[in-house]
Amino acid sequence: MVFGGFFGGSLVGVAGFYRHEGIKMSHKGVLWGMYLKPEARGSGLAPILVERLLEYASKEVEQVQLTVVASNPRAIRFYERMGFVAYGLEKEALKDKDAYFDEILMVKFLSREQ
């Protein structure tokens, strides 16, 4: 599922969600591909996108996981405000040419009443 945010008829933000497959993993989902165009940042659209995604996810899973680049404190603070907590660090999770980037693993536990 991909959620889109629009201003004036133009797509300016997206956030994706998928549920893990398999009987032992299907209680977990992933928020992926969160992106806002620069002109939409700080507009209040990001929390709306994540709230809608979590609303949808709460009908599907018990928890939502995500990863965020450790060198992006603004994104980390945003996800913390949205109720996500860090539970791990993946060293050198991403590589761009010769540069490595660590990722923080985060989770938000949703209502277990499903």
PDB file of N, CA and C in Angstrom:
ATOM      1  N   MET A   1       0.855  -1.159   0.000  1.00  0.00           N
ATOM      2  CA  MET A   1       0.000   0.000   0.000  1.00  0.00           C
ATOM      3  C   MET A   1       0.909   1.231   0.000  1.00  0.00           C
ATOM      4  N   VAL A   2       0.623   2.167  -0.877  1.00  0.00           N
ATOM      5  CA  VAL A   2       1.381   3.418  -0.915  1.00  0.00           C
ATOM      6  C   VAL A   2       0.410   4.563  -0.696  1.00  0.00           C
ATOM      7  N   PHE A   3       0.748   5.435   0.237  1.00  0.00           N
ATOM      8  CA  PHE A   3      -0.058   6.603   0.561  1.00  0.00           C
ATOM      9  C   PHE A   3       0.591   7.819  -0.073  1.00  0.00           C
ATOM     10  N   GLY A   4      -0.230   8.707  -0.621  1.00  0.00           N
ATOM     11  CA  GLY A   4       0.283   9.913  -1.260  1.00  0.00           C
ATOM     12  C   GLY A   4      -0.279  11.166  -0.618  1.00  0.00           C
ATOM     13  N   GLY A   5       0.534  12.192  -0.588  1.00  0.00           N
ATOM     14  CA  GLY A   5       0.113  13.502  -0.091  1.00  0.00           C
ATOM     15  C   GLY A   5       0.173  14.504  -1.227  1.00  0.00           C
ATOM     16  N   PHE A   6      -0.853  15.307  -1.329  1.00  0.00           N
ATOM     17  CA  PHE A   6      -0.981  16.235  -2.457  1.00  0.00           C
ATOM     18  C   PHE A   6      -1.155  17.669  -1.976  1.00  0.00           C
ATOM     19  N   PHE A   7      -0.580  18.607  -2.716  1.00  0.00           N
ATOM     20  CA  PHE A   7      -0.829  20.037  -2.568  1.00  0.00           C
ATOM     21  C   PHE A   7      -1.206  20.547  -3.940  1.00  0.00           C
ATOM     22  N   GLY A   8      -2.349  21.191  -4.047  1.00  0.00           N
ATOM     23  CA  GLY A   8      -2.771  21.771  -5.315  1.00  0.00           C
ATOM     24  C   GLY A   8      -2.806  20.786  -6.462  1.00  0.00           C
ATOM     25  N   GLY A   9      -3.168  19.547  -6.186  1.00  0.00           N
ATOM     26  CA  GLY A   9      -3.247  18.541  -7.235  1.00  0.00           C
ATOM     27  C   GLY A   9      -1.933  17.890  -7.593  1.00  0.00           C
ATOM     28  N   SER A  10      -0.834  18.291  -6.948  1.00  0.00           N
ATOM     29  CA  SER A  10       0.481  17.698  -7.235  1.00  0.00           C
ATOM     30  C   SER A  10       0.897  16.761  -6.105  1.00  0.00           C
ATOM     31  N   LEU A  11       1.429  15.605  -6.475  1.00  0.00           N
ATOM     32  CA  LEU A  11       1.945  14.662  -5.498  1.00  0.00           C
ATOM     33  C   LEU A  11       3.244  15.211  -4.922  1.00  0.00           C
ATOM     34  N   VAL A  12       3.272  15.428  -3.607  1.00  0.00           N
ATOM     35  CA  VAL A  12       4.462  15.996  -2.972  1.00  0.00           C
ATOM     36  C   VAL A  12       5.026  15.115  -1.860  1.00  0.00           C
ATOM     37  N   GLY A  13       4.341  14.012  -1.549  1.00  0.00           N
ATOM     38  CA  GLY A  13       4.836  13.127  -0.503  1.00  0.00           C
ATOM     39  C   GLY A  13       4.279  11.732  -0.647  1.00  0.00           C
ATOM     40  N   VAL A  14       5.068  10.740  -0.213  1.00  0.00           N
ATOM     41  CA  VAL A  14       4.639   9.347  -0.253  1.00  0.00           C
ATOM     42  C   VAL A  14       5.148   8.611   0.986  1.00  0.00           C
ATOM     43  N   ALA A  15       4.431   7.548   1.337  1.00  0.00           N
ATOM     44  CA  ALA A  15       4.863   6.632   2.387  1.00  0.00           C
ATOM     45  C   ALA A  15       4.281   5.274   2.048  1.00  0.00           C
ATOM     46  N   GLY A  16       5.112   4.243   2.105  1.00  0.00           N
ATOM     47  CA  GLY A  16       4.664   2.904   1.758  1.00  0.00           C
ATOM     48  C   GLY A  16       4.552   2.003   2.975  1.00  0.00           C
ATOM     49  N   PHE A  17       3.713   0.987   2.849  1.00  0.00           N
ATOM     50  CA  PHE A  17       3.521   0.005   3.914  1.00  0.00           C
ATOM     51  C   PHE A  17       3.394  -1.389   3.291  1.00  0.00           C
ATOM     52  N   TYR A  18       4.036  -2.351   3.916  1.00  0.00           N
ATOM     53  CA  TYR A  18       3.775  -3.742   3.559  1.00  0.00           C
ATOM     54  C   TYR A  18       3.780  -4.593   4.814  1.00  0.00           C
ATOM     55  N   ARG A  19       3.035  -5.678   4.740  1.00  0.00           N
ATOM     56  CA  ARG A  19       2.953  -6.642   5.827  1.00  0.00           C
ATOM     57  C   ARG A  19       3.897  -7.793   5.514  1.00  0.00           C
ATOM     58  N   HIS A  20       4.645  -8.229   6.530  1.00  0.00           N
ATOM     59  CA  HIS A  20       5.511  -9.393   6.342  1.00  0.00           C
ATOM     60  C   HIS A  20       4.670 -10.621   6.032  1.00  0.00           C
ATOM     61  N   GLU A  21       5.218 -11.497   5.222  1.00  0.00           N
ATOM     62  CA  GLU A  21       4.550 -12.756   4.902  1.00  0.00           C
ATOM     63  C   GLU A  21       5.065 -13.857   5.818  1.00  0.00           C
ATOM     64  N   GLY A  22       4.331 -14.910   5.882  1.00  0.00           N
ATOM     65  CA  GLY A  22       4.731 -16.044   6.715  1.00  0.00           C
ATOM     66  C   GLY A  22       4.004 -16.018   8.041  1.00  0.00           C
ATOM     67  N   ILE A  23       3.633 -17.168   8.509  1.00  0.00           N
ATOM     68  CA  ILE A  23       2.797 -17.271   9.701  1.00  0.00           C
ATOM     69  C   ILE A  23       3.449 -16.671  10.948  1.00  0.00           C
ATOM     70  N   LYS A  24       4.763 -16.749  11.045  1.00  0.00           N
ATOM     71  CA  LYS A  24       5.445 -16.260  12.238  1.00  0.00           C
ATOM     72  C   LYS A  24       5.841 -14.786  12.144  1.00  0.00           C
ATOM     73  N   MET A  25       5.651 -14.170  10.984  1.00  0.00           N
ATOM     74  CA  MET A  25       6.047 -12.766  10.793  1.00  0.00           C
ATOM     75  C   MET A  25       4.873 -11.859  10.424  1.00  0.00           C
ATOM     76  N   SER A  26       3.708 -12.437  10.182  1.00  0.00           N
ATOM     77  CA  SER A  26       2.600 -11.655   9.638  1.00  0.00           C
ATOM     78  C   SER A  26       1.989 -10.660  10.622  1.00  0.00           C
ATOM     79  N   HIS A  27       2.433 -10.662  11.865  1.00  0.00           N
ATOM     80  CA  HIS A  27       1.960  -9.663  12.827  1.00  0.00           C
ATOM     81  C   HIS A  27       2.749  -8.356  12.723  1.00  0.00           C
ATOM     82  N   LYS A  28       3.747  -8.316  11.817  1.00  0.00           N
ATOM     83  CA  LYS A  28       4.603  -7.139  11.665  1.00  0.00           C
ATOM     84  C   LYS A  28       4.477  -6.554  10.267  1.00  0.00           C
ATOM     85  N   GLY A  29       4.557  -5.225  10.210  1.00  0.00           N
ATOM     86  CA  GLY A  29       4.575  -4.521   8.940  1.00  0.00           C
ATOM     87  C   GLY A  29       5.730  -3.546   8.903  1.00  0.00           C
ATOM     88  N   VAL A  30       5.945  -2.955   7.736  1.00  0.00           N
ATOM     89  CA  VAL A  30       7.080  -2.051   7.541  1.00  0.00           C
ATOM     90  C   VAL A  30       6.604  -0.764   6.887  1.00  0.00           C
ATOM     91  N   LEU A  31       7.019   0.359   7.451  1.00  0.00           N
ATOM     92  CA  LEU A  31       6.870   1.660   6.811  1.00  0.00           C
ATOM     93  C   LEU A  31       8.125   1.847   5.968  1.00  0.00           C
ATOM     94  N   TRP A  32       7.954   2.085   4.668  1.00  0.00           N
ATOM     95  CA  TRP A  32       9.108   2.205   3.767  1.00  0.00           C
ATOM     96  C   TRP A  32       8.883   3.371   2.799  1.00  0.00           C
ATOM     97  N   GLY A  33       9.936   3.864   2.236  1.00  0.00           N
ATOM     98  CA  GLY A  33       9.853   4.846   1.158  1.00  0.00           C
ATOM     99  C   GLY A  33       9.266   6.184   1.544  1.00  0.00           C
ATOM    100  N   MET A  34       9.370   6.577   2.789  1.00  0.00           N
ATOM    101  CA  MET A  34       8.834   7.874   3.226  1.00  0.00           C
ATOM    102  C   MET A  34       9.644   8.983   2.553  1.00  0.00           C
ATOM    103  N   TYR A  35       8.939   9.853   1.833  1.00  0.00           N
ATOM    104  CA  TYR A  35       9.624  10.954   1.140  1.00  0.00           C
ATOM    105  C   TYR A  35       8.662  12.117   0.955  1.00  0.00           C
ATOM    106  N   LEU A  36       9.171  13.316   1.214  1.00  0.00           N
ATOM    107  CA  LEU A  36       8.449  14.547   0.909  1.00  0.00           C
ATOM    108  C   LEU A  36       9.351  15.437   0.070  1.00  0.00           C
ATOM    109  N   LYS A  37       8.768  16.049  -0.952  1.00  0.00           N
ATOM    110  CA  LYS A  37       9.526  17.021  -1.730  1.00  0.00           C
ATOM    111  C   LYS A  37       9.927  18.163  -0.801  1.00  0.00           C
ATOM    112  N   PRO A  38      11.057  18.807  -1.069  1.00  0.00           N
ATOM    113  CA  PRO A  38      11.529  19.874  -0.181  1.00  0.00           C
ATOM    114  C   PRO A  38      10.477  20.945   0.117  1.00  0.00           C
ATOM    115  N   GLU A  39       9.667  21.306  -0.873  1.00  0.00           N
ATOM    116  CA  GLU A  39       8.674  22.359  -0.635  1.00  0.00           C
ATOM    117  C   GLU A  39       7.547  21.917   0.290  1.00  0.00           C
ATOM    118  N   ALA A  40       7.412  20.617   0.540  1.00  0.00           N
ATOM    119  CA  ALA A  40       6.365  20.109   1.431  1.00  0.00           C
ATOM    120  C   ALA A  40       6.870  19.850   2.849  1.00  0.00           C
ATOM    121  N   ARG A  41       8.172  19.890   3.045  1.00  0.00           N
ATOM    122  CA  ARG A  41       8.739  19.618   4.367  1.00  0.00           C
ATOM    123  C   ARG A  41       8.386  20.751   5.326  1.00  0.00           C
ATOM    124  N   GLY A  42       7.986  20.372   6.530  1.00  0.00           N
ATOM    125  CA  GLY A  42       7.586  21.360   7.524  1.00  0.00           C
ATOM    126  C   GLY A  42       6.154  21.848   7.366  1.00  0.00           C
ATOM    127  N   SER A  43       5.418  21.268   6.429  1.00  0.00           N
ATOM    128  CA  SER A  43       4.054  21.718   6.137  1.00  0.00           C
ATOM    129  C   SER A  43       2.997  21.022   6.991  1.00  0.00           C
ATOM    130  N   GLY A  44       3.392  19.957   7.701  1.00  0.00           N
ATOM    131  CA  GLY A  44       2.426  19.162   8.443  1.00  0.00           C
ATOM    132  C   GLY A  44       1.938  17.947   7.679  1.00  0.00           C
ATOM    133  N   LEU A  45       2.389  17.788   6.451  1.00  0.00           N
ATOM    134  CA  LEU A  45       1.971  16.648   5.642  1.00  0.00           C
ATOM    135  C   LEU A  45       2.570  15.332   6.141  1.00  0.00           C
ATOM    136  N   ALA A  46       3.811  15.338   6.585  1.00  0.00           N
ATOM    137  CA  ALA A  46       4.472  14.104   7.022  1.00  0.00           C
ATOM    138  C   ALA A  46       3.701  13.401   8.135  1.00  0.00           C
ATOM    139  N   PRO A  47       3.304  14.101   9.199  1.00  0.00           N
ATOM    140  CA  PRO A  47       2.545  13.389  10.230  1.00  0.00           C
ATOM    141  C   PRO A  47       1.203  12.869   9.733  1.00  0.00           C
ATOM    142  N   ILE A  48       0.575  13.584   8.825  1.00  0.00           N
ATOM    143  CA  ILE A  48      -0.696  13.114   8.273  1.00  0.00           C
ATOM    144  C   ILE A  48      -0.489  11.815   7.499  1.00  0.00           C
ATOM    145  N   LEU A  49       0.548  11.761   6.667  1.00  0.00           N
ATOM    146  CA  LEU A  49       0.848  10.538   5.919  1.00  0.00           C
ATOM    147  C   LEU A  49       1.084   9.358   6.861  1.00  0.00           C
ATOM    148  N   VAL A  50       1.901   9.575   7.884  1.00  0.00           N
ATOM    149  CA  VAL A  50       2.227   8.482   8.803  1.00  0.00           C
ATOM    150  C   VAL A  50       0.998   8.085   9.618  1.00  0.00           C
ATOM    151  N   GLU A  51       0.204   9.055  10.051  1.00  0.00           N
ATOM    152  CA  GLU A  51      -1.023   8.729  10.794  1.00  0.00           C
ATOM    153  C   GLU A  51      -1.970   7.876   9.957  1.00  0.00           C
ATOM    154  N   ARG A  52      -2.143   8.227   8.691  1.00  0.00           N
ATOM    155  CA  ARG A  52      -3.018   7.434   7.805  1.00  0.00           C
ATOM    156  C   ARG A  52      -2.452   6.026   7.602  1.00  0.00           C
ATOM    157  N   LEU A  53      -1.142   5.949   7.421  1.00  0.00           N
ATOM    158  CA  LEU A  53      -0.501   4.650   7.259  1.00  0.00           C
ATOM    159  C   LEU A  53      -0.698   3.803   8.514  1.00  0.00           C
ATOM    160  N   LEU A  54      -0.504   4.400   9.695  1.00  0.00           N
ATOM    161  CA  LEU A  54      -0.660   3.652  10.943  1.00  0.00           C
ATOM    162  C   LEU A  54      -2.108   3.246  11.173  1.00  0.00           C
ATOM    163  N   GLU A  55      -3.025   4.097  10.780  1.00  0.00           N
ATOM    164  CA  GLU A  55      -4.453   3.766  10.876  1.00  0.00           C
ATOM    165  C   GLU A  55      -4.757   2.520  10.039  1.00  0.00           C
ATOM    166  N   TYR A  56      -4.262   2.501   8.823  1.00  0.00           N
ATOM    167  CA  TYR A  56      -4.424   1.348   7.943  1.00  0.00           C
ATOM    168  C   TYR A  56      -3.723   0.128   8.555  1.00  0.00           C
ATOM    169  N   ALA A  57      -2.486   0.313   8.992  1.00  0.00           N
ATOM    170  CA  ALA A  57      -1.678  -0.789   9.522  1.00  0.00           C
ATOM    171  C   ALA A  57      -2.319  -1.410  10.760  1.00  0.00           C
ATOM    172  N   SER A  58      -2.987  -0.604  11.572  1.00  0.00           N
ATOM    173  CA  SER A  58      -3.568  -1.115  12.814  1.00  0.00           C
ATOM    174  C   SER A  58      -4.641  -2.169  12.561  1.00  0.00           C
ATOM    175  N   LYS A  59      -5.174  -2.193  11.357  1.00  0.00           N
ATOM    176  CA  LYS A  59      -6.167  -3.213  10.992  1.00  0.00           C
ATOM    177  C   LYS A  59      -5.491  -4.477  10.446  1.00  0.00           C
ATOM    178  N   GLU A  60      -4.177  -4.390  10.212  1.00  0.00           N
ATOM    179  CA  GLU A  60      -3.443  -5.480   9.572  1.00  0.00           C
ATOM    180  C   GLU A  60      -2.401  -6.144  10.471  1.00  0.00           C
ATOM    181  N   VAL A  61      -1.748  -5.353  11.332  1.00  0.00           N
ATOM    182  CA  VAL A  61      -0.597  -5.851  12.085  1.00  0.00           C
ATOM    183  C   VAL A  61      -0.604  -5.325  13.512  1.00  0.00           C
ATOM    184  N   GLU A  62       0.294  -5.881  14.321  1.00  0.00           N
ATOM    185  CA  GLU A  62       0.454  -5.455  15.712  1.00  0.00           C
ATOM    186  C   GLU A  62       1.588  -4.459  15.900  1.00  0.00           C
ATOM    187  N   GLN A  63       2.511  -4.422  14.955  1.00  0.00           N
ATOM    188  CA  GLN A  63       3.633  -3.489  15.061  1.00  0.00           C
ATOM    189  C   GLN A  63       4.089  -3.068  13.671  1.00  0.00           C
ATOM    190  N   VAL A  64       4.651  -1.850  13.629  1.00  0.00           N
ATOM    191  CA  VAL A  64       5.199  -1.319  12.379  1.00  0.00           C
ATOM    192  C   VAL A  64       6.660  -0.992  12.623  1.00  0.00           C
ATOM    193  N   GLN A  65       7.509  -1.481  11.746  1.00  0.00           N
ATOM    194  CA  GLN A  65       8.945  -1.257  11.837  1.00  0.00           C
ATOM    195  C   GLN A  65       9.387  -0.309  10.727  1.00  0.00           C
ATOM    196  N   LEU A  66      10.522   0.329  10.942  1.00  0.00           N
ATOM    197  CA  LEU A  66      11.138   1.155   9.905  1.00  0.00           C
ATOM    198  C   LEU A  66      12.621   1.247  10.184  1.00  0.00           C
ATOM    199  N   THR A  67      13.355   1.712   9.187  1.00  0.00           N
ATOM    200  CA  THR A  67      14.764   2.041   9.377  1.00  0.00           C
ATOM    201  C   THR A  67      14.955   3.486   8.953  1.00  0.00           C
ATOM    202  N   VAL A  68      15.891   4.149   9.624  1.00  0.00           N
ATOM    203  CA  VAL A  68      16.199   5.540   9.321  1.00  0.00           C
ATOM    204  C   VAL A  68      17.716   5.710   9.407  1.00  0.00           C
ATOM    205  N   VAL A  69      18.270   6.449   8.477  1.00  0.00           N
ATOM    206  CA  VAL A  69      19.718   6.670   8.461  1.00  0.00           C
ATOM    207  C   VAL A  69      20.124   7.388   9.752  1.00  0.00           C
ATOM    208  N   ALA A  70      21.118   6.846  10.425  1.00  0.00           N
ATOM    209  CA  ALA A  70      21.537   7.351  11.733  1.00  0.00           C
ATOM    210  C   ALA A  70      22.028   8.792  11.684  1.00  0.00           C
ATOM    211  N   SER A  71      22.461   9.255  10.525  1.00  0.00           N
ATOM    212  CA  SER A  71      22.974  10.627  10.404  1.00  0.00           C
ATOM    213  C   SER A  71      21.868  11.625  10.034  1.00  0.00           C
ATOM    214  N   ASN A  72      20.595  11.245  10.204  1.00  0.00           N
ATOM    215  CA  ASN A  72      19.466  12.123   9.891  1.00  0.00           C
ATOM    216  C   ASN A  72      18.661  12.414  11.165  1.00  0.00           C
ATOM    217  N   PRO A  73      19.182  13.307  12.026  1.00  0.00           N
ATOM    218  CA  PRO A  73      18.508  13.544  13.311  1.00  0.00           C
ATOM    219  C   PRO A  73      17.091  14.108  13.169  1.00  0.00           C
ATOM    220  N   ARG A  74      16.842  14.876  12.123  1.00  0.00           N
ATOM    221  CA  ARG A  74      15.497  15.423  11.929  1.00  0.00           C
ATOM    222  C   ARG A  74      14.478  14.302  11.718  1.00  0.00           C
ATOM    223  N   ALA A  75      14.820  13.330  10.894  1.00  0.00           N
ATOM    224  CA  ALA A  75      13.924  12.199  10.649  1.00  0.00           C
ATOM    225  C   ALA A  75      13.763  11.347  11.900  1.00  0.00           C
ATOM    226  N   ILE A  76      14.846  11.136  12.636  1.00  0.00           N
ATOM    227  CA  ILE A  76      14.781  10.342  13.863  1.00  0.00           C
ATOM    228  C   ILE A  76      13.830  11.007  14.855  1.00  0.00           C
ATOM    229  N   ARG A  77      13.957  12.318  15.051  1.00  0.00           N
ATOM    230  CA  ARG A  77      13.060  13.050  15.969  1.00  0.00           C
ATOM    231  C   ARG A  77      11.614  12.955  15.496  1.00  0.00           C
ATOM    232  N   PHE A  78      11.401  13.068  14.192  1.00  0.00           N
ATOM    233  CA  PHE A  78      10.045  12.965  13.648  1.00  0.00           C
ATOM    234  C   PHE A  78       9.429  11.617  14.006  1.00  0.00           C
ATOM    235  N   TYR A  79      10.146  10.535  13.722  1.00  0.00           N
ATOM    236  CA  TYR A  79       9.600   9.209  14.009  1.00  0.00           C
ATOM    237  C   TYR A  79       9.379   9.008  15.507  1.00  0.00           C
ATOM    238  N   GLU A  80      10.259   9.551  16.338  1.00  0.00           N
ATOM    239  CA  GLU A  80      10.053   9.466  17.787  1.00  0.00           C
ATOM    240  C   GLU A  80       8.763  10.199  18.183  1.00  0.00           C
ATOM    241  N   ARG A  81       8.516  11.368  17.592  1.00  0.00           N
ATOM    242  CA  ARG A  81       7.264  12.105  17.878  1.00  0.00           C
ATOM    243  C   ARG A  81       6.042  11.300  17.442  1.00  0.00           C
ATOM    244  N   MET A  82       6.205  10.469  16.426  1.00  0.00           N
ATOM    245  CA  MET A  82       5.103   9.647  15.931  1.00  0.00           C
ATOM    246  C   MET A  82       4.944   8.354  16.750  1.00  0.00           C
ATOM    247  N   GLY A  83       5.769   8.180  17.788  1.00  0.00           N
ATOM    248  CA  GLY A  83       5.625   7.043  18.689  1.00  0.00           C
ATOM    249  C   GLY A  83       6.544   5.870  18.419  1.00  0.00           C
ATOM    250  N   PHE A  84       7.469   6.003  17.486  1.00  0.00           N
ATOM    251  CA  PHE A  84       8.426   4.934  17.207  1.00  0.00           C
ATOM    252  C   PHE A  84       9.575   5.000  18.200  1.00  0.00           C
ATOM    253  N   VAL A  85      10.118   3.843  18.556  1.00  0.00           N
ATOM    254  CA  VAL A  85      11.271   3.770  19.450  1.00  0.00           C
ATOM    255  C   VAL A  85      12.369   2.945  18.781  1.00  0.00           C
ATOM    256  N   ALA A  86      13.593   3.342  19.054  1.00  0.00           N
ATOM    257  CA  ALA A  86      14.749   2.619  18.499  1.00  0.00           C
ATOM    258  C   ALA A  86      14.935   1.307  19.250  1.00  0.00           C
ATOM    259  N   TYR A  87      15.292   0.257  18.508  1.00  0.00           N
ATOM    260  CA  TYR A  87      15.590  -1.019  19.156  1.00  0.00           C
ATOM    261  C   TYR A  87      16.883  -1.643  18.641  1.00  0.00           C
ATOM    262  N   GLY A  88      17.566  -0.971  17.746  1.00  0.00           N
ATOM    263  CA  GLY A  88      18.817  -1.530  17.255  1.00  0.00           C
ATOM    264  C   GLY A  88      19.496  -0.622  16.251  1.00  0.00           C
ATOM    265  N   LEU A  89      20.702  -1.008  15.883  1.00  0.00           N
ATOM    266  CA  LEU A  89      21.498  -0.267  14.913  1.00  0.00           C
ATOM    267  C   LEU A  89      22.132  -1.264  13.959  1.00  0.00           C
ATOM    268  N   GLU A  90      21.939  -1.035  12.682  1.00  0.00           N
ATOM    269  CA  GLU A  90      22.604  -1.860  11.675  1.00  0.00           C
ATOM    270  C   GLU A  90      23.764  -1.058  11.111  1.00  0.00           C
ATOM    271  N   LYS A  91      24.968  -1.492  11.431  1.00  0.00           N
ATOM    272  CA  LYS A  91      26.175  -0.821  10.960  1.00  0.00           C
ATOM    273  C   LYS A  91      26.333  -1.040   9.462  1.00  0.00           C
ATOM    274  N   GLU A  92      26.726   0.019   8.772  1.00  0.00           N
ATOM    275  CA  GLU A  92      27.003  -0.040   7.330  1.00  0.00           C
ATOM    276  C   GLU A  92      25.853  -0.696   6.557  1.00  0.00           C
ATOM    277  N   ALA A  93      24.640  -0.317   6.896  1.00  0.00           N
ATOM    278  CA  ALA A  93      23.447  -0.897   6.271  1.00  0.00           C
ATOM    279  C   ALA A  93      23.310  -0.483   4.812  1.00  0.00           C
ATOM    280  N   LEU A  94      23.755   0.721   4.508  1.00  0.00           N
ATOM    281  CA  LEU A  94      23.663   1.247   3.147  1.00  0.00           C
ATOM    282  C   LEU A  94      25.052   1.614   2.655  1.00  0.00           C
ATOM    283  N   LYS A  95      25.227   1.511   1.338  1.00  0.00           N
ATOM    284  CA  LYS A  95      26.505   1.883   0.743  1.00  0.00           C
ATOM    285  C   LYS A  95      26.234   2.668  -0.528  1.00  0.00           C
ATOM    286  N   ASP A  96      26.859   3.834  -0.626  1.00  0.00           N
ATOM    287  CA  ASP A  96      26.772   4.673  -1.819  1.00  0.00           C
ATOM    288  C   ASP A  96      28.197   4.970  -2.259  1.00  0.00           C
ATOM    289  N   LYS A  97      28.592   4.349  -3.346  1.00  0.00           N
ATOM    290  CA  LYS A  97      29.984   4.407  -3.819  1.00  0.00           C
ATOM    291  C   LYS A  97      30.876   3.866  -2.707  1.00  0.00           C
ATOM    292  N   ASP A  98      31.724   4.701  -2.122  1.00  0.00           N
ATOM    293  CA  ASP A  98      32.626   4.233  -1.066  1.00  0.00           C
ATOM    294  C   ASP A  98      32.171   4.658   0.324  1.00  0.00           C
ATOM    295  N   ALA A  99      30.993   5.254   0.436  1.00  0.00           N
ATOM    296  CA  ALA A  99      30.497   5.731   1.732  1.00  0.00           C
ATOM    297  C   ALA A  99      29.458   4.768   2.293  1.00  0.00           C
ATOM    298  N   TYR A 100      29.610   4.441   3.575  1.00  0.00           N
ATOM    299  CA  TYR A 100      28.667   3.578   4.271  1.00  0.00           C
ATOM    300  C   TYR A 100      27.804   4.422   5.202  1.00  0.00           C
ATOM    301  N   PHE A 101      26.560   3.947   5.430  1.00  0.00           N
ATOM    302  CA  PHE A 101      25.629   4.641   6.305  1.00  0.00           C
ATOM    303  C   PHE A 101      24.990   3.633   7.249  1.00  0.00           C
ATOM    304  N   ASP A 102      25.011   3.948   8.541  1.00  0.00           N
ATOM    305  CA  ASP A 102      24.351   3.112   9.533  1.00  0.00           C
ATOM    306  C   ASP A 102      22.856   3.440   9.532  1.00  0.00           C
ATOM    307  N   GLU A 103      22.037   2.451   9.888  1.00  0.00           N
ATOM    308  CA  GLU A 103      20.599   2.676  10.004  1.00  0.00           C
ATOM    309  C   GLU A 103      20.121   2.288  11.401  1.00  0.00           C
ATOM    310  N   ILE A 104      19.261   3.129  11.948  1.00  0.00           N
ATOM    311  CA  ILE A 104      18.607   2.849  13.218  1.00  0.00           C
ATOM    312  C   ILE A 104      17.333   2.065  12.917  1.00  0.00           C
ATOM    313  N   LEU A 105      17.117   0.988  13.645  1.00  0.00           N
ATOM    314  CA  LEU A 105      15.917   0.175  13.522  1.00  0.00           C
ATOM    315  C   LEU A 105      14.904   0.696  14.541  1.00  0.00           C
ATOM    316  N   MET A 106      13.701   0.983  14.098  1.00  0.00           N
ATOM    317  CA  MET A 106      12.672   1.542  14.982  1.00  0.00           C
ATOM    318  C   MET A 106      11.389   0.738  14.856  1.00  0.00           C
ATOM    319  N   VAL A 107      10.565   0.787  15.907  1.00  0.00           N
ATOM    320  CA  VAL A 107       9.289   0.064  15.921  1.00  0.00           C
ATOM    321  C   VAL A 107       8.245   0.877  16.664  1.00  0.00           C
ATOM    322  N   LYS A 108       7.016   0.731  16.245  1.00  0.00           N
ATOM    323  CA  LYS A 108       5.870   1.266  16.979  1.00  0.00           C
ATOM    324  C   LYS A 108       4.908   0.104  17.174  1.00  0.00           C
ATOM    325  N   PHE A 109       4.580  -0.169  18.456  1.00  0.00           N
ATOM    326  CA  PHE A 109       3.635  -1.222  18.764  1.00  0.00           C
ATOM    327  C   PHE A 109       2.235  -0.648  18.728  1.00  0.00           C
ATOM    328  N   LEU A 110       1.365  -1.305  17.991  1.00  0.00           N
ATOM    329  CA  LEU A 110      -0.011  -0.872  17.828  1.00  0.00           C
ATOM    330  C   LEU A 110      -0.892  -1.678  18.783  1.00  0.00           C
ATOM    331  N   SER A 111      -2.154  -1.362  18.819  1.00  0.00           N
ATOM    332  CA  SER A 111      -3.099  -2.088  19.656  1.00  0.00           C
ATOM    333  C   SER A 111      -3.087  -3.562  19.295  1.00  0.00           C
ATOM    334  N   ARG A 112      -3.081  -4.405  20.281  1.00  0.00           N
ATOM    335  CA  ARG A 112      -3.112  -5.846  20.034  1.00  0.00           C
ATOM    336  C   ARG A 112      -4.543  -6.359  19.899  1.00  0.00           C
ATOM    337  N   GLU A 113      -5.513  -5.460  20.045  1.00  0.00           N
ATOM    338  CA  GLU A 113      -6.926  -5.840  19.867  1.00  0.00           C
ATOM    339  C   GLU A 113      -7.261  -5.787  18.382  1.00  0.00           C
ATOM    340  N   GLN A 114      -7.289  -6.954  17.761  1.00  0.00           N
ATOM    341  CA  GLN A 114      -7.542  -7.006  16.324  1.00  0.00           C
ATOM    342  C   GLN A 114      -8.642  -7.967  16.009  1.00  0.00           C
TER     343      GLN A 114
END
